[in-house]
C-alpha atoms as a PDB file:
ATOM      1  CA  MET A   1      75.366  18.978 -22.454  1.00  0.00           C
ATOM      2  CA  SER A   2      79.125  18.757 -22.976  1.00  0.00           C
ATOM      3  CA  PHE A   3      80.928  15.992 -24.818  1.00  0.00           C
ATOM      4  CA  PHE A   4      82.566  14.938 -21.529  1.00  0.00           C
ATOM      5  CA  GLU A   5      79.170  14.603 -19.835  1.00  0.00           C
ATOM      6  CA  ASN A   6      77.941  12.469 -22.715  1.00  0.00           C
ATOM      7  CA  LEU A   7      80.982  10.231 -22.362  1.00  0.00           C
ATOM      8  CA  ILE A   8      80.193   9.736 -18.684  1.00  0.00           C
ATOM      9  CA  LEU A   9      76.590   8.794 -19.424  1.00  0.00           C
ATOM     10  CA  GLY A  10      77.725   6.537 -22.264  1.00  0.00           C
ATOM     11  CA  PHE A  11      80.249   4.805 -20.022  1.00  0.00           C
ATOM     12  CA  VAL A  12      77.563   4.166 -17.391  1.00  0.00           C
ATOM     13  CA  GLN A  13      75.279   2.734 -20.077  1.00  0.00           C
ATOM     14  CA  ALA A  14      78.076   0.523 -21.447  1.00  0.00           C
ATOM     15  CA  LEU A  15      78.644  -1.061 -18.040  1.00  0.00           C
ATOM     16  CA  LEU A  16      75.122  -1.258 -16.638  1.00  0.00           C
ATOM     17  CA  GLU A  17      73.425  -2.693 -19.737  1.00  0.00           C
ATOM     18  CA  TRP A  18      74.795  -6.124 -18.805  1.00  0.00           C
ATOM     19  CA  LEU A  19      73.567  -5.889 -15.209  1.00  0.00           C
ATOM     20  CA  PRO A  20      69.882  -6.191 -14.225  1.00  0.00           C
ATOM     21  CA  VAL A  21      69.696  -2.779 -12.556  1.00  0.00           C
ATOM     22  CA  SER A  22      67.955  -0.676 -15.264  1.00  0.00           C
ATOM     23  CA  SER A  23      70.714   1.152 -17.120  1.00  0.00           C
ATOM     24  CA  SER A  24      68.095   3.546 -18.541  1.00  0.00           C
ATOM     25  CA  GLY A  25      66.946   4.409 -15.019  1.00  0.00           C
ATOM     26  CA  ILE A  26      70.460   5.114 -13.730  1.00  0.00           C
ATOM     27  CA  VAL A  27      71.429   7.089 -16.863  1.00  0.00           C
ATOM     28  CA  SER A  28      68.232   9.145 -16.511  1.00  0.00           C
ATOM     29  CA  ILE A  29      68.935   9.860 -12.824  1.00  0.00           C
ATOM     30  CA  LEU A  30      72.447  11.077 -13.680  1.00  0.00           C
ATOM     31  CA  ALA A  31      71.256  13.177 -16.632  1.00  0.00           C
ATOM     32  CA  LEU A  32      68.568  14.767 -14.474  1.00  0.00           C
ATOM     33  CA  ASN A  33      70.420  15.389 -11.242  1.00  0.00           C
ATOM     34  CA  ALA A  34      74.101  15.623 -12.201  1.00  0.00           C
ATOM     35  CA  PHE A  35      73.831  17.366 -15.586  1.00  0.00           C
ATOM     36  CA  GLY A  36      70.579  19.298 -15.278  1.00  0.00           C
ATOM     37  CA  LYS A  37      68.691  17.763 -18.207  1.00  0.00           C
ATOM     38  CA  THR A  38      64.909  17.892 -18.448  1.00  0.00           C
ATOM     39  CA  ALA A  39      62.850  14.746 -17.927  1.00  0.00           C
ATOM     40  CA  SER A  40      62.121  14.514 -21.657  1.00  0.00           C
ATOM     41  CA  GLU A  41      65.788  14.899 -22.618  1.00  0.00           C
ATOM     42  CA  ALA A  42      66.907  12.339 -20.034  1.00  0.00           C
ATOM     43  CA  PHE A  43      64.343   9.838 -21.329  1.00  0.00           C
ATOM     44  CA  SER A  44      65.497  10.202 -24.939  1.00  0.00           C
ATOM     45  CA  LEU A  45      69.179  10.082 -24.010  1.00  0.00           C
ATOM     46  CA  SER A  46      68.653   6.854 -22.066  1.00  0.00           C
ATOM     47  CA  ILE A  47      67.117   5.293 -25.185  1.00  0.00           C
ATOM     48  CA  PHE A  48      69.707   6.679 -27.567  1.00  0.00           C
ATOM     49  CA  PHE A  49      72.741   5.394 -25.654  1.00  0.00           C
ATOM     50  CA  HIS A  50      71.268   1.881 -25.819  1.00  0.00           C
ATOM     51  CA  LEU A  51      72.193   1.912 -29.503  1.00  0.00           C
ATOM     52  CA  GLY A  52      75.857   1.651 -28.527  1.00  0.00           C
ATOM     53  CA  THR A  53      75.363  -1.508 -26.493  1.00  0.00           C
ATOM     54  CA  ALA A  54      73.076  -2.849 -29.235  1.00  0.00           C
ATOM     55  CA  ILE A  55      76.081  -2.674 -31.556  1.00  0.00           C
ATOM     56  CA  SER A  56      78.003  -4.754 -29.003  1.00  0.00           C
ATOM     57  CA  VAL A  57      75.217  -7.349 -29.026  1.00  0.00           C
ATOM     58  CA  LEU A  58      75.288  -7.439 -32.842  1.00  0.00           C
ATOM     59  CA  VAL A  59      79.039  -8.073 -32.863  1.00  0.00           C
ATOM     60  CA  LYS A  60      78.722 -10.729 -30.151  1.00  0.00           C
ATOM     61  CA  TYR A  61      75.812 -12.642 -31.732  1.00  0.00           C
ATOM     62  CA  TRP A  62      76.249 -11.775 -35.414  1.00  0.00           C
ATOM     63  CA  LYS A  63      76.221 -15.447 -36.423  1.00  0.00           C
ATOM     64  CA  THR A  64      72.914 -16.018 -34.635  1.00  0.00           C
ATOM     65  CA  TYR A  65      71.336 -13.118 -36.539  1.00  0.00           C
ATOM     66  CA  TRP A  66      72.874 -14.220 -39.830  1.00  0.00           C
ATOM     67  CA  ASP A  67      71.630 -17.781 -39.360  1.00  0.00           C
ATOM     68  CA  ALA A  68      68.160 -16.427 -38.578  1.00  0.00           C
ATOM     69  CA  ILE A  69      68.136 -14.542 -41.877  1.00  0.00           C
ATOM     70  CA  SER A  70      69.698 -17.285 -43.992  1.00  0.00           C
ATOM     71  CA  LYS A  71      68.525 -20.639 -42.627  1.00  0.00           C
ATOM     72  CA  ASP A  72      67.330 -20.823 -39.007  1.00  0.00           C
ATOM     73  CA  ARG A  73      63.568 -20.337 -39.347  1.00  0.00           C
ATOM     74  CA  SER A  74      62.984 -21.053 -35.670  1.00  0.00           C
ATOM     75  CA  MET A  75      65.289 -18.197 -34.640  1.00  0.00           C
ATOM     76  CA  LEU A  76      63.760 -15.915 -37.254  1.00  0.00           C
ATOM     77  CA  ARG A  77      60.284 -16.636 -35.861  1.00  0.00           C
ATOM     78  CA  PHE A  78      61.615 -15.970 -32.354  1.00  0.00           C
ATOM     79  CA  LEU A  79      62.962 -12.555 -33.364  1.00  0.00           C
ATOM     80  CA  ILE A  80      59.870 -11.551 -35.344  1.00  0.00           C
ATOM     81  CA  ILE A  81      57.314 -12.578 -32.714  1.00  0.00           C
ATOM     82  CA  SER A  82      59.193 -11.188 -29.715  1.00  0.00           C
ATOM     83  CA  THR A  83      59.907  -7.907 -31.516  1.00  0.00           C
ATOM     84  CA  ALA A  84      56.289  -7.567 -32.664  1.00  0.00           C
ATOM     85  CA  PHE A  85      54.957  -7.919 -29.119  1.00  0.00           C
ATOM     86  CA  THR A  86      57.651  -5.615 -27.783  1.00  0.00           C
ATOM     87  CA  GLY A  87      56.282  -3.027 -30.182  1.00  0.00           C
ATOM     88  CA  ILE A  88      52.653  -3.725 -29.312  1.00  0.00           C
ATOM     89  CA  ILE A  89      53.368  -3.016 -25.640  1.00  0.00           C
ATOM     90  CA  GLY A  90      56.310  -0.643 -25.935  1.00  0.00           C
ATOM     91  CA  ILE A  91      55.191   1.853 -28.619  1.00  0.00           C
ATOM     92  CA  PRO A  92      52.009   3.045 -26.844  1.00  0.00           C
ATOM     93  CA  LEU A  93      53.956   3.270 -23.574  1.00  0.00           C
ATOM     94  CA  TYR A  94      56.756   5.162 -25.319  1.00  0.00           C
ATOM     95  CA  LEU A  95      54.363   7.720 -26.818  1.00  0.00           C
ATOM     96  CA  LEU A  96      52.562   8.140 -23.514  1.00  0.00           C
ATOM     97  CA  LEU A  97      55.785   8.572 -21.559  1.00  0.00           C
ATOM     98  CA  ARG A  98      57.402  10.997 -23.990  1.00  0.00           C
ATOM     99  CA  ASN A  99      54.399  13.313 -23.748  1.00  0.00           C
ATOM    100  CA  PHE A 100      54.103  12.754 -20.000  1.00  0.00           C
ATOM    101  CA  PHE A 101      57.761  13.462 -19.237  1.00  0.00           C
ATOM    102  CA  VAL A 102      57.559  16.909 -20.883  1.00  0.00           C
ATOM    103  CA  GLU A 103      55.367  17.935 -17.941  1.00  0.00           C
ATOM    104  CA  LEU A 104      57.503  16.364 -15.202  1.00  0.00           C
ATOM    105  CA  THR A 105      60.149  17.974 -13.038  1.00  0.00           C
ATOM    106  CA  GLY A 106      63.473  16.220 -12.561  1.00  0.00           C
ATOM    107  CA  LEU A 107      62.610  15.297  -8.975  1.00  0.00           C
ATOM    108  CA  ALA A 108      59.279  13.777  -9.992  1.00  0.00           C
ATOM    109  CA  LEU A 109      60.894  11.560 -12.640  1.00  0.00           C
ATOM    110  CA  THR A 110      63.677  10.597 -10.223  1.00  0.00           C
ATOM    111  CA  LEU A 111      61.033   9.522  -7.697  1.00  0.00           C
ATOM    112  CA  ILE A 112      59.242   7.426 -10.339  1.00  0.00           C
ATOM    113  CA  ILE A 113      62.533   5.751 -11.304  1.00  0.00           C
ATOM    114  CA  GLY A 114      63.246   4.973  -7.646  1.00  0.00           C
ATOM    115  CA  ILE A 115      59.854   3.295  -7.252  1.00  0.00           C
ATOM    116  CA  LEU A 116      60.313   1.292 -10.456  1.00  0.00           C
ATOM    117  CA  LEU A 117      63.759   0.146  -9.275  1.00  0.00           C
ATOM    118  CA  LEU A 118      61.959  -1.421  -6.305  1.00  0.00           C
ATOM    119  CA  VAL A 119      59.646  -3.173  -8.781  1.00  0.00           C
ATOM    120  CA  THR A 120      62.691  -4.468 -10.677  1.00  0.00           C
ATOM    121  CA  ALA A 121      64.188  -5.723  -7.396  1.00  0.00           C
ATOM    122  CA  THR A 122      61.000  -7.633  -6.585  1.00  0.00           C
ATOM    123  CA  LEU A 123      60.943  -9.215 -10.053  1.00  0.00           C
ATOM    124  CA  LEU A 124      64.586 -10.298  -9.715  1.00  0.00           C
ATOM    125  CA  ARG A 125      63.932 -11.769  -6.273  1.00  0.00           C
ATOM    126  CA  THR A 126      60.924 -13.700  -7.543  1.00  0.00           C
ATOM    127  CA  GLY A 127      62.867 -15.108 -10.486  1.00  0.00           C
ATOM    128  CA  LYS A 128      65.733 -16.183  -8.243  1.00  0.00           C
ATOM    129  CA  ILE A 129      63.448 -17.949  -5.792  1.00  0.00           C
ATOM    130  CA  LYS A 130      61.196 -19.658  -8.352  1.00  0.00           C
ATOM    131  CA  ALA A 131      63.793 -20.660 -10.971  1.00  0.00           C
ATOM    132  CA  THR A 132      63.829 -24.381 -11.857  1.00  0.00           C
ATOM    133  CA  ASN A 133      66.584 -24.405 -14.530  1.00  0.00           C
ATOM    134  CA  LYS A 134      64.961 -27.175 -16.606  1.00  0.00           C
ATOM    135  CA  PHE A 135      64.509 -26.062 -20.224  1.00  0.00           C
ATOM    136  CA  ALA A 136      66.966 -25.231 -22.987  1.00  0.00           C
ATOM    137  CA  MET A 137      66.494 -22.361 -25.424  1.00  0.00           C
ATOM    138  CA  GLU A 138      65.402 -24.755 -28.186  1.00  0.00           C
ATOM    139  CA  GLU A 139      62.454 -25.915 -26.073  1.00  0.00           C
ATOM    140  CA  ARG A 140      60.713 -22.537 -26.108  1.00  0.00           C
ATOM    141  CA  LYS A 141      57.128 -22.209 -27.332  1.00  0.00           C
ATOM    142  CA  ILE A 142      55.447 -19.471 -29.329  1.00  0.00           C
ATOM    143  CA  SER A 143      53.680 -18.367 -26.156  1.00  0.00           C
ATOM    144  CA  ASP A 144      57.117 -17.890 -24.528  1.00  0.00           C
ATOM    145  CA  GLU A 145      58.165 -15.652 -27.408  1.00  0.00           C
ATOM    146  CA  ILE A 146      54.973 -13.595 -27.140  1.00  0.00           C
ATOM    147  CA  PHE A 147      55.234 -12.999 -23.393  1.00  0.00           C
ATOM    148  CA  LEU A 148      58.987 -12.419 -23.572  1.00  0.00           C
ATOM    149  CA  GLY A 149      58.428  -9.668 -26.138  1.00  0.00           C
ATOM    150  CA  ALA A 150      55.677  -8.145 -24.004  1.00  0.00           C
ATOM    151  CA  CYS A 151      57.991  -8.126 -20.954  1.00  0.00           C
ATOM    152  CA  GLN A 152      60.631  -6.345 -23.001  1.00  0.00           C
ATOM    153  CA  GLY A 153      58.056  -3.761 -24.068  1.00  0.00           C
ATOM    154  CA  LEU A 154      57.336  -2.917 -20.414  1.00  0.00           C
ATOM    155  CA  ALA A 155      61.018  -2.133 -19.908  1.00  0.00           C
ATOM    156  CA  ILE A 156      60.588   1.150 -21.794  1.00  0.00           C
ATOM    157  CA  LEU A 157      59.750   2.437 -18.313  1.00  0.00           C
ATOM    158  CA  PRO A 158      62.965   3.939 -16.855  1.00  0.00           C
ATOM    159  CA  GLY A 159      63.695   2.001 -13.697  1.00  0.00           C
ATOM    160  CA  ILE A 160      62.359  -1.283 -15.059  1.00  0.00           C
ATOM    161  CA  SER A 161      65.365  -3.366 -16.109  1.00  0.00           C
ATOM    162  CA  ARG A 162      65.007  -4.832 -19.595  1.00  0.00           C
ATOM    163  CA  SER A 163      67.372  -7.700 -18.905  1.00  0.00           C
ATOM    164  CA  GLY A 164      66.002  -8.164 -15.389  1.00  0.00           C
ATOM    165  CA  THR A 165      62.386  -8.354 -16.590  1.00  0.00           C
ATOM    166  CA  THR A 166      63.012 -10.669 -19.527  1.00  0.00           C
ATOM    167  CA  VAL A 167      65.425 -12.956 -17.682  1.00  0.00           C
ATOM    168  CA  THR A 168      63.014 -13.177 -14.744  1.00  0.00           C
ATOM    169  CA  PHE A 169      60.179 -14.248 -17.043  1.00  0.00           C
ATOM    170  CA  LEU A 170      62.370 -16.935 -18.627  1.00  0.00           C
ATOM    171  CA  LEU A 171      63.569 -18.197 -15.247  1.00  0.00           C
ATOM    172  CA  LEU A 172      59.979 -18.390 -14.009  1.00  0.00           C
ATOM    173  CA  ARG A 173      59.160 -20.420 -17.117  1.00  0.00           C
ATOM    174  CA  GLY A 174      61.927 -22.832 -16.144  1.00  0.00           C
ATOM    175  CA  PHE A 175      64.655 -21.984 -18.661  1.00  0.00           C
ATOM    176  CA  LYS A 176      68.303 -22.470 -17.797  1.00  0.00           C
ATOM    177  CA  LYS A 177      70.013 -19.302 -16.620  1.00  0.00           C
ATOM    178  CA  GLU A 178      72.602 -19.283 -19.421  1.00  0.00           C
ATOM    179  CA  ASP A 179      69.898 -19.637 -22.082  1.00  0.00           C
ATOM    180  CA  ALA A 180      67.738 -17.007 -20.384  1.00  0.00           C
ATOM    181  CA  PHE A 181      70.522 -14.417 -20.591  1.00  0.00           C
ATOM    182  CA  LYS A 182      71.259 -15.327 -24.210  1.00  0.00           C
ATOM    183  CA  MET A 183      67.614 -15.043 -25.296  1.00  0.00           C
ATOM    184  CA  SER A 184      67.256 -11.755 -23.445  1.00  0.00           C
ATOM    185  CA  PHE A 185      70.143 -10.132 -25.283  1.00  0.00           C
ATOM    186  CA  ILE A 186      69.349 -11.605 -28.689  1.00  0.00           C
ATOM    187  CA  ILE A 187      65.915  -9.954 -28.718  1.00  0.00           C
ATOM    188  CA  SER A 188      67.302  -6.610 -27.505  1.00  0.00           C
ATOM    189  CA  LEU A 189      68.848  -5.591 -30.839  1.00  0.00           C
ATOM    190  CA  PRO A 190      65.716  -5.215 -33.010  1.00  0.00           C
ATOM    191  CA  ALA A 191      63.827  -3.557 -30.149  1.00  0.00           C
ATOM    192  CA  ILE A 192      66.556  -0.958 -29.566  1.00  0.00           C
ATOM    193  CA  LEU A 193      66.905  -0.287 -33.288  1.00  0.00           C
ATOM    194  CA  GLY A 194      63.155   0.272 -33.451  1.00  0.00           C
ATOM    195  CA  ALA A 195      63.152   2.664 -30.483  1.00  0.00           C
ATOM    196  CA  VAL A 196      66.041   4.743 -31.860  1.00  0.00           C
ATOM    197  CA  ALA A 197      64.465   4.774 -35.337  1.00  0.00           C
ATOM    198  CA  PHE A 198      61.296   6.159 -33.746  1.00  0.00           C
ATOM    199  CA  GLU A 199      63.317   8.952 -32.125  1.00  0.00           C
ATOM    200  CA  LEU A 200      64.961   9.744 -35.460  1.00  0.00           C
ATOM    201  CA  LEU A 201      61.678   9.784 -37.384  1.00  0.00           C
ATOM    202  CA  PHE A 202      59.666  11.664 -34.762  1.00  0.00           C
ATOM    203  CA  PRO A 203      62.048  13.860 -32.741  1.00  0.00           C
ATOM    204  CA  ASN A 204      60.591  16.511 -30.466  1.00  0.00           C
ATOM    205  CA  GLU A 205      61.999  20.017 -29.991  1.00  0.00           C
ATOM    206  CA  GLU A 206      63.881  19.116 -26.824  1.00  0.00           C
ATOM    207  CA  THR A 207      65.581  15.970 -28.060  1.00  0.00           C
ATOM    208  CA  ALA A 208      66.287  16.524 -31.761  1.00  0.00           C
ATOM    209  CA  PHE A 209      69.743  17.886 -30.830  1.00  0.00           C
ATOM    210  CA  ILE A 210      71.037  14.518 -29.640  1.00  0.00           C
ATOM    211  CA  PHE A 211      71.654  13.208 -33.131  1.00  0.00           C
ATOM    212  CA  GLY A 212      74.796  15.259 -33.850  1.00  0.00           C
ATOM    213  CA  ILE A 213      78.292  14.046 -34.769  1.00  0.00           C
ATOM    214  CA  GLU A 214      79.572  14.027 -31.182  1.00  0.00           C
ATOM    215  CA  TYR A 215      76.846  11.564 -30.250  1.00  0.00           C
ATOM    216  CA  ILE A 216      78.020   9.195 -32.986  1.00  0.00           C
ATOM    217  CA  VAL A 217      81.481   9.280 -31.389  1.00  0.00           C
ATOM    218  CA  VAL A 218      79.919   8.536 -27.995  1.00  0.00           C
ATOM    219  CA  LEU A 219      77.964   5.626 -29.500  1.00  0.00           C
ATOM    220  CA  LEU A 220      81.170   4.085 -30.852  1.00  0.00           C
ATOM    221  CA  PHE A 221      82.755   4.560 -27.427  1.00  0.00           C
ATOM    222  CA  VAL A 222      79.765   2.842 -25.772  1.00  0.00           C
ATOM    223  CA  ALA A 223      79.907  -0.015 -28.300  1.00  0.00           C
ATOM    224  CA  ILE A 224      83.619  -0.646 -27.693  1.00  0.00           C
ATOM    225  CA  ILE A 225      83.407  -0.452 -23.899  1.00  0.00           C
ATOM    226  CA  GLY A 226      80.235  -2.556 -23.928  1.00  0.00           C
ATOM    227  CA  PHE A 227      81.801  -5.285 -26.044  1.00  0.00           C
ATOM    228  CA  LEU A 228      85.011  -5.397 -23.988  1.00  0.00           C
ATOM    229  CA  THR A 229      83.156  -5.666 -20.674  1.00  0.00           C
ATOM    230  CA  MET A 230      80.185  -7.826 -21.722  1.00  0.00           C
ATOM    231  CA  GLU A 231      81.488 -11.275 -20.786  1.00  0.00           C
ATOM    232  CA  ALA A 232      82.990 -10.257 -17.451  1.00  0.00           C
ATOM    233  CA  LEU A 233      79.917  -8.301 -16.358  1.00  0.00           C
ATOM    234  CA  LEU A 234      77.490 -11.034 -17.431  1.00  0.00           C
ATOM    235  CA  ARG A 235      79.452 -13.516 -15.295  1.00  0.00           C
ATOM    236  CA  PHE A 236      79.315 -10.973 -12.471  1.00  0.00           C
ATOM    237  CA  ALA A 237      75.564 -10.537 -12.962  1.00  0.00           C
ATOM    238  CA  ARG A 238      74.928 -14.255 -12.533  1.00  0.00           C
ATOM    239  CA  LYS A 239      76.594 -14.285  -9.118  1.00  0.00           C
ATOM    240  CA  MET A 240      75.640 -11.006  -7.443  1.00  0.00           C
ATOM    241  CA  PRO A 241      72.362 -10.474  -5.508  1.00  0.00           C
ATOM    242  CA  PHE A 242      71.078  -7.723  -7.784  1.00  0.00           C
ATOM    243  CA  ASP A 243      67.635  -7.863  -6.221  1.00  0.00           C
ATOM    244  CA  ILE A 244      69.188  -6.487  -3.027  1.00  0.00           C
ATOM    245  CA  ILE A 245      71.236  -3.930  -4.976  1.00  0.00           C
ATOM    246  CA  CYS A 246      68.090  -2.656  -6.734  1.00  0.00           C
ATOM    247  CA  TYR A 247      66.236  -2.451  -3.417  1.00  0.00           C
ATOM    248  CA  VAL A 248      69.093  -0.345  -2.007  1.00  0.00           C
ATOM    249  CA  LEU A 249      69.349   1.883  -5.103  1.00  0.00           C
ATOM    250  CA  GLY A 250      65.595   2.398  -5.249  1.00  0.00           C
ATOM    251  CA  GLY A 251      65.338   3.071  -1.528  1.00  0.00           C
ATOM    252  CA  ILE A 252      68.198   5.590  -1.525  1.00  0.00           C
ATOM    253  CA  THR A 253      66.740   7.360  -4.570  1.00  0.00           C
ATOM    254  CA  ILE A 254      63.307   7.719  -2.968  1.00  0.00           C
ATOM    255  CA  ILE A 255      64.745   8.895   0.364  1.00  0.00           C
ATOM    256  CA  LEU A 256      66.925  11.534  -1.341  1.00  0.00           C
ATOM    257  CA  VAL A 257      63.982  12.824  -3.395  1.00  0.00           C
ATOM    258  CA  ILE A 258      61.849  13.140  -0.248  1.00  0.00           C
ATOM    259  CA  ILE A 259      64.675  15.023   1.525  1.00  0.00           C
ATOM    260  CA  PHE A 260      65.084  17.412  -1.430  1.00  0.00           C
ATOM    261  CA  MET A 261      61.319  17.991  -1.531  1.00  0.00           C
ATOM    262  CA  ILE A 262      61.203  18.786   2.192  1.00  0.00           C
ATOM    263  CA  VAL A 263      64.229  21.096   1.966  1.00  0.00           C
ATOM    264  CA  GLY A 264      62.829  22.786  -1.130  1.00  0.00           C
ATOM    265  CA  SER A 265      59.456  23.464   0.476  1.00  0.00           C
ATOM    266  CA  SER A 266      60.893  24.808   3.731  1.00  0.00           C
END
């Protein structure tokens, strides 16, 4: 894959991370169908480019993380518990998917992503309808932290939006929308660092190449673009009907895959 293609994928990740439309799903679809990557490579790339937007989150909320380390025991507990349950759910799924995707064709993975985008759309719609907007972030319980981490772990599935899943859970629990978005992005950093560390420690033959110098440059590009666009896109995300957008994206993806399958078999 060329440096220019990586920049395109990184740019898409930098913008879509702040929108509840599954940036990993869209990046995977582009890597598969526009740039000819294998399912396994697309999966790893979608994880790796999250590190760039994780840097943006660190810069944005650095004081929150520093306070958690130095004095805010409640925030530290929040990060530890949510990250632990992200790992409990996410690591087995990650290992299963990485082995599974080696056997998949690009069309098969694209179809799966399309179906999971419809799942994301349904989750977003449910959260929007059922939201009560009652509780502040400080009113969370340990059970909220456990289930929030578990929801984040499920988002390892490409097509399931991490922000959409976690924000939906918090809205269903009755948290205010602003606090739901903040909590969702605060817990993303340790989870993304863990996922990328896993790729670094246990690379497979198809994806070990992605950790070269040019990818570091792309990560810095993603971090800068992500930080510059974060506030504007988060405001945009709170206003737009992303449940409908995900339904449309998922539906179009599935229809195109079916057409390609019919054409290919004829």
